[in-house]
Amino acid sequence: MSALVELAALSNRFGEPTFDAVILGEGNTSAKVDDQTFYVKGSGCQLQTMTTADFVHLRFDVLLPLLTRSEVSEAELSAAYENAKVDKTQKRRPSVEALFHALCLQLPGVNFVAHSHATAVNGLTCGKGWPATLAGRMFPDEAVVMGPDSVFVPYVDPGVILAKAIHDGIERYRSEWNAVPKVIYMQNHGVIALGATAQETHNVTAMAIKAARIRATVLASGGGLALLDRATVLHLLGRPDEKYRQQALGLRA
């Protein structure tokens, strides 16, 4: 199955009302084709009903240099997105967040990226207790599926500024954990899942939604969050049985 076909199927799953990850035109998804190009959701499309024709095929080498510039105007960003199109006859505009997709798809082992606005997650990203309400790991499966911790990005405008903030957060994470993150939380915005496969991005997002619900339940009860300590999390991630489960679920170690 081609990356594009997988991406369309993944997007439709994210758009299912029962998943409660997006409504209307919310969220965006992407898939790496090769070292030169990737597909990303067309702006304004609804994930639930997307077909392969609704994705825009873009070049990395046109977009990534934007991250090194001190300022990029809206007009310059729009022009860059048009110039990055592999198929110049494609009428759809890529998602305004295509730049952070390009950034994330350059990370080792990342082939699919899914950004959603899950209700349960945003119930915490929009809270005054952010990001403490989402930091760390509370239960074993959260660590096994989502990694030892997450990247946290303060609210900034979508586009180049957001992509730069995500880049900085990823670099801090990699420095601390010597690993590529699986989850990025954005204040007052949503969550990004990074996966080697389409299924991994879905699994990571599903676990992020469950974790958010559990955290909200604990907070509503008036109790504090009982997080697993760092040593316990690292022990869980190093257990042979948990590594086996990761492989069985198609998860990056």
C-alpha atoms as a PDB file:
ATOM      1  CA  MET A   1       0.000   0.000   0.000  1.00  0.00           C
ATOM      2  CA  SER A   2       1.384   3.420  -0.927  1.00  0.00           C
ATOM      3  CA  ALA A   3       2.045   6.089   1.678  1.00  0.00           C
ATOM      4  CA  LEU A   4      -0.691   8.229   0.123  1.00  0.00           C
ATOM      5  CA  VAL A   5      -3.328   5.502   0.351  1.00  0.00           C
ATOM      6  CA  GLU A   6      -2.330   4.804   3.957  1.00  0.00           C
ATOM      7  CA  LEU A   7      -2.482   8.516   4.730  1.00  0.00           C
ATOM      8  CA  ALA A   8      -5.988   8.872   3.349  1.00  0.00           C
ATOM      9  CA  ALA A   9      -7.189   5.877   5.382  1.00  0.00           C
ATOM     10  CA  LEU A  10      -5.511   7.216   8.528  1.00  0.00           C
ATOM     11  CA  SER A  11      -7.096  10.623   8.035  1.00  0.00           C
ATOM     12  CA  ASN A  12     -10.553   9.087   7.681  1.00  0.00           C
ATOM     13  CA  ARG A  13     -10.065   7.196  10.955  1.00  0.00           C
ATOM     14  CA  PHE A  14      -9.048  10.397  12.720  1.00  0.00           C
ATOM     15  CA  GLY A  15     -12.188  12.062  11.416  1.00  0.00           C
ATOM     16  CA  GLU A  16     -14.572   9.453  12.802  1.00  0.00           C
ATOM     17  CA  PRO A  17     -16.906  11.138  15.335  1.00  0.00           C
ATOM     18  CA  THR A  18     -16.451   8.309  17.849  1.00  0.00           C
ATOM     19  CA  PHE A  19     -12.703   9.037  18.020  1.00  0.00           C
ATOM     20  CA  ASP A  20     -13.496  12.636  19.007  1.00  0.00           C
ATOM     21  CA  ALA A  21     -10.172  13.944  17.722  1.00  0.00           C
ATOM     22  CA  VAL A  22     -11.435  16.531  15.203  1.00  0.00           C
ATOM     23  CA  ILE A  23     -14.599  18.059  13.785  1.00  0.00           C
ATOM     24  CA  LEU A  24     -15.246  20.088  10.640  1.00  0.00           C
ATOM     25  CA  GLY A  25     -11.927  21.104   9.042  1.00  0.00           C
ATOM     26  CA  GLU A  26      -9.802  20.622  12.158  1.00  0.00           C
ATOM     27  CA  GLY A  27      -6.504  18.767  12.257  1.00  0.00           C
ATOM     28  CA  ASN A  28      -4.022  17.757   9.595  1.00  0.00           C
ATOM     29  CA  THR A  29      -2.007  14.708   8.611  1.00  0.00           C
ATOM     30  CA  SER A  30       1.079  13.963   6.535  1.00  0.00           C
ATOM     31  CA  ALA A  31       3.223  11.119   5.229  1.00  0.00           C
ATOM     32  CA  LYS A  32       6.799  10.958   3.984  1.00  0.00           C
ATOM     33  CA  VAL A  33       7.199   9.671   0.438  1.00  0.00           C
ATOM     34  CA  ASP A  34      11.002   9.717   0.273  1.00  0.00           C
ATOM     35  CA  ASP A  35      13.890  11.962   1.323  1.00  0.00           C
ATOM     36  CA  GLN A  36      12.730  14.635  -1.100  1.00  0.00           C
ATOM     37  CA  THR A  37       8.949  14.848  -0.761  1.00  0.00           C
ATOM     38  CA  PHE A  38       5.893  14.332   1.428  1.00  0.00           C
ATOM     39  CA  TYR A  39       2.097  14.533   1.289  1.00  0.00           C
ATOM     40  CA  VAL A  40       0.097  16.817   3.584  1.00  0.00           C
ATOM     41  CA  LYS A  41      -3.604  17.517   4.027  1.00  0.00           C
ATOM     42  CA  GLY A  42      -5.087  20.175   1.765  1.00  0.00           C
ATOM     43  CA  SER A  43      -6.322  23.259   3.597  1.00  0.00           C
ATOM     44  CA  GLY A  44     -10.035  23.256   4.421  1.00  0.00           C
ATOM     45  CA  CYS A  45     -10.555  19.526   3.870  1.00  0.00           C
ATOM     46  CA  GLN A  46     -12.321  17.394   6.450  1.00  0.00           C
ATOM     47  CA  LEU A  47     -10.324  14.389   7.605  1.00  0.00           C
ATOM     48  CA  GLN A  48     -13.380  12.132   7.752  1.00  0.00           C
ATOM     49  CA  THR A  49     -14.106  12.447   4.036  1.00  0.00           C
ATOM     50  CA  MET A  50     -10.653  12.975   2.501  1.00  0.00           C
ATOM     51  CA  THR A  51      -9.536  11.039  -0.555  1.00  0.00           C
ATOM     52  CA  THR A  52      -6.068  10.704  -2.050  1.00  0.00           C
ATOM     53  CA  ALA A  53      -6.855  13.676  -4.317  1.00  0.00           C
ATOM     54  CA  ASP A  54      -7.176  15.996  -1.312  1.00  0.00           C
ATOM     55  CA  PHE A  55      -3.505  15.825  -0.293  1.00  0.00           C
ATOM     56  CA  VAL A  56      -0.795  18.130  -1.588  1.00  0.00           C
ATOM     57  CA  HIS A  57       2.583  16.712  -2.632  1.00  0.00           C
ATOM     58  CA  LEU A  58       5.416  18.986  -1.420  1.00  0.00           C
ATOM     59  CA  ARG A  59       9.210  19.206  -1.532  1.00  0.00           C
ATOM     60  CA  PHE A  60      11.200  19.394   1.697  1.00  0.00           C
ATOM     61  CA  ASP A  61      14.043  21.454   0.240  1.00  0.00           C
ATOM     62  CA  VAL A  62      11.780  24.394  -0.581  1.00  0.00           C
ATOM     63  CA  LEU A  63      10.145  24.558   2.849  1.00  0.00           C
ATOM     64  CA  LEU A  64      12.806  23.692   5.440  1.00  0.00           C
ATOM     65  CA  PRO A  65      14.996  26.783   4.751  1.00  0.00           C
ATOM     66  CA  LEU A  66      12.101  28.895   6.091  1.00  0.00           C
ATOM     67  CA  LEU A  67      13.016  27.697   9.595  1.00  0.00           C
ATOM     68  CA  THR A  68      16.378  29.501   9.418  1.00  0.00           C
ATOM     69  CA  ARG A  69      14.928  32.879   8.471  1.00  0.00           C
ATOM     70  CA  SER A  70      14.291  35.518  11.126  1.00  0.00           C
ATOM     71  CA  GLU A  71      11.044  36.675   9.526  1.00  0.00           C
ATOM     72  CA  VAL A  72       8.681  35.230   6.926  1.00  0.00           C
ATOM     73  CA  SER A  73       5.610  37.179   5.799  1.00  0.00           C
ATOM     74  CA  GLU A  74       2.246  35.568   5.071  1.00  0.00           C
ATOM     75  CA  ALA A  75       2.774  36.295   1.387  1.00  0.00           C
ATOM     76  CA  GLU A  76       6.218  34.689   1.415  1.00  0.00           C
ATOM     77  CA  LEU A  77       4.882  31.608   3.194  1.00  0.00           C
ATOM     78  CA  SER A  78       2.051  31.221   0.683  1.00  0.00           C
ATOM     79  CA  ALA A  79       4.508  31.599  -2.193  1.00  0.00           C
ATOM     80  CA  ALA A  80       6.828  29.002  -0.663  1.00  0.00           C
ATOM     81  CA  TYR A  81       3.957  26.537  -0.333  1.00  0.00           C
ATOM     82  CA  GLU A  82       3.076  27.030  -3.994  1.00  0.00           C
ATOM     83  CA  ASN A  83       6.702  26.684  -5.077  1.00  0.00           C
ATOM     84  CA  ALA A  84       7.059  23.506  -3.043  1.00  0.00           C
ATOM     85  CA  LYS A  85       4.288  21.700  -4.938  1.00  0.00           C
ATOM     86  CA  VAL A  86       5.480  18.709  -6.927  1.00  0.00           C
ATOM     87  CA  ASP A  87       2.319  18.811  -9.039  1.00  0.00           C
ATOM     88  CA  LYS A  88       1.922  22.418 -10.129  1.00  0.00           C
ATOM     89  CA  THR A  89      -1.611  21.676 -11.380  1.00  0.00           C
ATOM     90  CA  GLN A  90      -2.816  20.865  -7.846  1.00  0.00           C
ATOM     91  CA  LYS A  91      -5.329  23.604  -6.999  1.00  0.00           C
ATOM     92  CA  ARG A  92      -5.563  22.906  -3.290  1.00  0.00           C
ATOM     93  CA  ARG A  93      -3.456  24.896  -0.865  1.00  0.00           C
ATOM     94  CA  PRO A  94      -1.533  22.825   1.678  1.00  0.00           C
ATOM     95  CA  SER A  95      -2.401  23.187   5.343  1.00  0.00           C
ATOM     96  CA  VAL A  96      -0.903  26.322   6.868  1.00  0.00           C
ATOM     97  CA  GLU A  97       0.852  23.940   9.281  1.00  0.00           C
ATOM     98  CA  ALA A  98       2.649  22.053   6.486  1.00  0.00           C
ATOM     99  CA  LEU A  99       5.986  23.456   7.684  1.00  0.00           C
ATOM    100  CA  PHE A 100       5.918  21.676  11.038  1.00  0.00           C
ATOM    101  CA  HIS A 101       4.935  18.487   9.212  1.00  0.00           C
ATOM    102  CA  ALA A 102       8.020  18.885   7.003  1.00  0.00           C
ATOM    103  CA  LEU A 103      10.136  19.390  10.117  1.00  0.00           C
ATOM    104  CA  CYS A 104       8.748  16.359  11.960  1.00  0.00           C
ATOM    105  CA  LEU A 105       9.020  14.067   8.929  1.00  0.00           C
ATOM    106  CA  GLN A 106      12.754  14.783   8.829  1.00  0.00           C
ATOM    107  CA  LEU A 107      13.243  13.149  12.229  1.00  0.00           C
ATOM    108  CA  PRO A 108      14.775   9.645  12.329  1.00  0.00           C
ATOM    109  CA  GLY A 109      12.126   6.941  12.121  1.00  0.00           C
ATOM    110  CA  VAL A 110       9.190   9.307  11.549  1.00  0.00           C
ATOM    111  CA  ASN A 111       7.137   8.592   8.427  1.00  0.00           C
ATOM    112  CA  PHE A 112       3.642   9.733   9.459  1.00  0.00           C
ATOM    113  CA  VAL A 113       2.446  12.747  11.452  1.00  0.00           C
ATOM    114  CA  ALA A 114      -1.082  13.388  12.720  1.00  0.00           C
ATOM    115  CA  HIS A 115      -2.196  16.597  14.415  1.00  0.00           C
ATOM    116  CA  SER A 116      -5.595  16.632  16.128  1.00  0.00           C
ATOM    117  CA  HIS A 117      -7.723  18.798  18.418  1.00  0.00           C
ATOM    118  CA  ALA A 118      -9.069  16.019  20.642  1.00  0.00           C
ATOM    119  CA  THR A 119     -11.647  17.317  23.119  1.00  0.00           C
ATOM    120  CA  ALA A 120     -10.144  15.423  26.052  1.00  0.00           C
ATOM    121  CA  VAL A 121      -6.649  16.690  25.299  1.00  0.00           C
ATOM    122  CA  ASN A 122      -7.669  20.304  24.789  1.00  0.00           C
ATOM    123  CA  GLY A 123      -9.599  20.155  28.040  1.00  0.00           C
ATOM    124  CA  LEU A 124      -6.108  20.174  29.593  1.00  0.00           C
ATOM    125  CA  THR A 125      -4.050  22.190  27.088  1.00  0.00           C
ATOM    126  CA  CYS A 126      -6.512  25.057  27.603  1.00  0.00           C
ATOM    127  CA  GLY A 127      -6.276  24.933  31.379  1.00  0.00           C
ATOM    128  CA  LYS A 128      -4.324  27.239  33.672  1.00  0.00           C
ATOM    129  CA  GLY A 129      -2.453  24.224  35.046  1.00  0.00           C
ATOM    130  CA  TRP A 130      -0.822  23.609  31.653  1.00  0.00           C
ATOM    131  CA  PRO A 131       1.611  21.919  31.053  1.00  0.00           C
ATOM    132  CA  ALA A 132       1.897  20.216  34.455  1.00  0.00           C
ATOM    133  CA  THR A 133      -1.432  18.452  33.894  1.00  0.00           C
ATOM    134  CA  LEU A 134       0.036  16.584  30.909  1.00  0.00           C
ATOM    135  CA  ALA A 135       3.692  16.189  31.863  1.00  0.00           C
ATOM    136  CA  GLY A 136       5.252  12.856  32.817  1.00  0.00           C
ATOM    137  CA  ARG A 137       3.631   9.435  32.771  1.00  0.00           C
ATOM    138  CA  MET A 138       0.918   8.150  35.115  1.00  0.00           C
ATOM    139  CA  PHE A 139       0.552   4.501  34.101  1.00  0.00           C
ATOM    140  CA  PRO A 140       2.681   1.898  32.247  1.00  0.00           C
ATOM    141  CA  ASP A 141       0.841   1.870  28.915  1.00  0.00           C
ATOM    142  CA  GLU A 142       1.131   5.646  28.665  1.00  0.00           C
ATOM    143  CA  ALA A 143       4.920   5.285  28.820  1.00  0.00           C
ATOM    144  CA  VAL A 144       5.096   2.239  26.543  1.00  0.00           C
ATOM    145  CA  VAL A 145       2.976   3.796  23.790  1.00  0.00           C
ATOM    146  CA  MET A 146       3.887   7.488  24.141  1.00  0.00           C
ATOM    147  CA  GLY A 147       7.508   7.356  25.300  1.00  0.00           C
ATOM    148  CA  PRO A 148       9.037   8.671  28.542  1.00  0.00           C
ATOM    149  CA  ASP A 149       7.594  12.198  28.237  1.00  0.00           C
ATOM    150  CA  SER A 150       6.224  14.705  25.753  1.00  0.00           C
ATOM    151  CA  VAL A 151       7.223  17.956  24.077  1.00  0.00           C
ATOM    152  CA  PHE A 152       5.335  21.037  25.312  1.00  0.00           C
ATOM    153  CA  VAL A 153       4.944  24.113  23.130  1.00  0.00           C
ATOM    154  CA  PRO A 154       3.469  27.414  24.409  1.00  0.00           C
ATOM    155  CA  TYR A 155       0.762  28.993  22.275  1.00  0.00           C
ATOM    156  CA  VAL A 156       2.003  30.831  19.175  1.00  0.00           C
ATOM    157  CA  ASP A 157       0.464  31.598  15.787  1.00  0.00           C
ATOM    158  CA  PRO A 158       0.264  28.673  13.337  1.00  0.00           C
ATOM    159  CA  GLY A 159       2.799  28.836  10.539  1.00  0.00           C
ATOM    160  CA  VAL A 160       6.522  29.575  10.687  1.00  0.00           C
ATOM    161  CA  ILE A 161       6.507  30.768  14.313  1.00  0.00           C
ATOM    162  CA  LEU A 162       4.811  27.581  15.485  1.00  0.00           C
ATOM    163  CA  ALA A 163       7.159  25.391  13.434  1.00  0.00           C
ATOM    164  CA  LYS A 164      10.160  27.092  15.021  1.00  0.00           C
ATOM    165  CA  ALA A 165       8.716  26.621  18.512  1.00  0.00           C
ATOM    166  CA  ILE A 166       8.121  22.934  17.781  1.00  0.00           C
ATOM    167  CA  HIS A 167      11.686  22.610  16.471  1.00  0.00           C
ATOM    168  CA  ASP A 168      13.061  24.095  19.696  1.00  0.00           C
ATOM    169  CA  GLY A 169      10.893  21.827  21.844  1.00  0.00           C
ATOM    170  CA  ILE A 170      11.990  18.734  19.933  1.00  0.00           C
ATOM    171  CA  GLU A 171      15.647  19.664  20.303  1.00  0.00           C
ATOM    172  CA  ARG A 172      15.267  20.099  24.077  1.00  0.00           C
ATOM    173  CA  TYR A 173      13.537  16.726  24.295  1.00  0.00           C
ATOM    174  CA  ARG A 174      16.216  14.948  22.262  1.00  0.00           C
ATOM    175  CA  SER A 175      18.913  16.491  24.433  1.00  0.00           C
ATOM    176  CA  GLU A 176      17.231  15.272  27.629  1.00  0.00           C
ATOM    177  CA  TRP A 177      16.049  11.835  26.526  1.00  0.00           C
ATOM    178  CA  ASN A 178      18.400  10.983  23.643  1.00  0.00           C
ATOM    179  CA  ALA A 179      15.368   9.922  21.626  1.00  0.00           C
ATOM    180  CA  VAL A 180      12.858  11.223  19.104  1.00  0.00           C
ATOM    181  CA  PRO A 181       9.553  12.233  20.741  1.00  0.00           C
ATOM    182  CA  LYS A 182       6.255  10.603  19.902  1.00  0.00           C
ATOM    183  CA  VAL A 183       3.969  13.306  21.303  1.00  0.00           C
ATOM    184  CA  ILE A 184       3.909  17.098  21.080  1.00  0.00           C
ATOM    185  CA  TYR A 185       1.318  19.055  23.072  1.00  0.00           C
ATOM    186  CA  MET A 186       0.537  22.629  22.032  1.00  0.00           C
ATOM    187  CA  GLN A 187      -1.036  25.047  24.493  1.00  0.00           C
ATOM    188  CA  ASN A 188      -4.633  26.026  23.641  1.00  0.00           C
ATOM    189  CA  HIS A 189      -4.287  24.077  20.397  1.00  0.00           C
ATOM    190  CA  GLY A 190      -3.926  20.291  20.419  1.00  0.00           C
ATOM    191  CA  VAL A 191      -1.611  17.326  20.055  1.00  0.00           C
ATOM    192  CA  ILE A 192       0.761  15.991  17.395  1.00  0.00           C
ATOM    193  CA  ALA A 193       1.603  12.284  17.112  1.00  0.00           C
ATOM    194  CA  LEU A 194       4.793  11.176  15.336  1.00  0.00           C
ATOM    195  CA  GLY A 195       4.952   7.615  14.061  1.00  0.00           C
ATOM    196  CA  ALA A 196       7.011   5.219  12.007  1.00  0.00           C
ATOM    197  CA  THR A 197       3.728   3.921  10.630  1.00  0.00           C
ATOM    198  CA  ALA A 198       0.212   5.246  10.170  1.00  0.00           C
ATOM    199  CA  GLN A 199      -0.955   2.825  12.867  1.00  0.00           C
ATOM    200  CA  GLU A 200       1.564   4.204  15.352  1.00  0.00           C
ATOM    201  CA  THR A 201       0.251   7.747  14.978  1.00  0.00           C
ATOM    202  CA  HIS A 202      -3.259   6.449  15.610  1.00  0.00           C
ATOM    203  CA  ASN A 203      -2.159   4.392  18.624  1.00  0.00           C
ATOM    204  CA  VAL A 204      -0.232   7.304  20.141  1.00  0.00           C
ATOM    205  CA  THR A 205      -3.178   9.659  19.697  1.00  0.00           C
ATOM    206  CA  ALA A 206      -5.625   7.134  21.151  1.00  0.00           C
ATOM    207  CA  MET A 207      -3.412   6.738  24.218  1.00  0.00           C
ATOM    208  CA  ALA A 208      -3.021  10.532  24.536  1.00  0.00           C
ATOM    209  CA  ILE A 209      -6.806  10.844  24.597  1.00  0.00           C
ATOM    210  CA  LYS A 210      -7.122   8.115  27.244  1.00  0.00           C
ATOM    211  CA  ALA A 211      -4.352   9.678  29.338  1.00  0.00           C
ATOM    212  CA  ALA A 212      -6.050  13.077  29.158  1.00  0.00           C
ATOM    213  CA  ARG A 213      -9.331  11.592  30.340  1.00  0.00           C
ATOM    214  CA  ILE A 214      -7.647   9.848  33.255  1.00  0.00           C
ATOM    215  CA  ARG A 215      -5.814  13.022  34.258  1.00  0.00           C
ATOM    216  CA  ALA A 216      -9.016  15.062  34.062  1.00  0.00           C
ATOM    217  CA  THR A 217     -10.803  12.492  36.252  1.00  0.00           C
ATOM    218  CA  VAL A 218      -8.046  12.625  38.866  1.00  0.00           C
ATOM    219  CA  LEU A 219      -8.047  16.425  38.898  1.00  0.00           C
ATOM    220  CA  ALA A 220     -11.848  16.563  39.128  1.00  0.00           C
ATOM    221  CA  SER A 221     -11.731  14.321  42.187  1.00  0.00           C
ATOM    222  CA  GLY A 222      -9.665  16.932  43.976  1.00  0.00           C
ATOM    223  CA  GLY A 223      -6.577  14.778  44.165  1.00  0.00           C
ATOM    224  CA  GLY A 224      -3.166  15.460  42.721  1.00  0.00           C
ATOM    225  CA  LEU A 225      -1.593  13.550  39.869  1.00  0.00           C
ATOM    226  CA  ALA A 226       0.430  10.539  41.073  1.00  0.00           C
ATOM    227  CA  LEU A 227       3.134  10.366  38.409  1.00  0.00           C
ATOM    228  CA  LEU A 228       5.537   7.498  37.898  1.00  0.00           C
ATOM    229  CA  ASP A 229       9.072   8.582  38.758  1.00  0.00           C
ATOM    230  CA  ARG A 230      11.753   8.787  36.068  1.00  0.00           C
ATOM    231  CA  ALA A 231      13.507   5.588  37.160  1.00  0.00           C
ATOM    232  CA  THR A 232      10.258   3.618  36.974  1.00  0.00           C
ATOM    233  CA  VAL A 233       9.446   4.959  33.508  1.00  0.00           C
ATOM    234  CA  LEU A 234      12.900   4.069  32.189  1.00  0.00           C
ATOM    235  CA  HIS A 235      12.644   0.629  33.795  1.00  0.00           C
ATOM    236  CA  LEU A 236       9.309   0.016  32.047  1.00  0.00           C
ATOM    237  CA  LEU A 237      10.696   1.070  28.694  1.00  0.00           C
ATOM    238  CA  GLY A 238      13.662  -1.250  29.133  1.00  0.00           C
ATOM    239  CA  ARG A 239      11.695  -4.383  30.061  1.00  0.00           C
ATOM    240  CA  PRO A 240      11.889  -7.124  27.388  1.00  0.00           C
ATOM    241  CA  ASP A 241       8.149  -7.810  27.594  1.00  0.00           C
ATOM    242  CA  GLU A 242       7.318  -4.166  27.050  1.00  0.00           C
ATOM    243  CA  LYS A 243       9.704  -3.979  24.098  1.00  0.00           C
ATOM    244  CA  TYR A 244       7.940  -7.024  22.668  1.00  0.00           C
ATOM    245  CA  ARG A 245       4.584  -5.296  23.096  1.00  0.00           C
ATOM    246  CA  GLN A 246       5.942  -2.189  21.370  1.00  0.00           C
ATOM    247  CA  GLN A 247       6.957  -4.271  18.388  1.00  0.00           C
ATOM    248  CA  ALA A 248       3.601  -6.052  18.322  1.00  0.00           C
ATOM    249  CA  LEU A 249       1.810  -2.699  18.299  1.00  0.00           C
ATOM    250  CA  GLY A 250       4.075  -1.300  15.588  1.00  0.00           C
ATOM    251  CA  LEU A 251       5.604   1.273  17.923  1.00  0.00           C
ATOM    252  CA  ARG A 252       9.051   2.813  17.780  1.00  0.00           C
ATOM    253  CA  ALA A 253      11.145   1.814  20.789  1.00  0.00           C
END
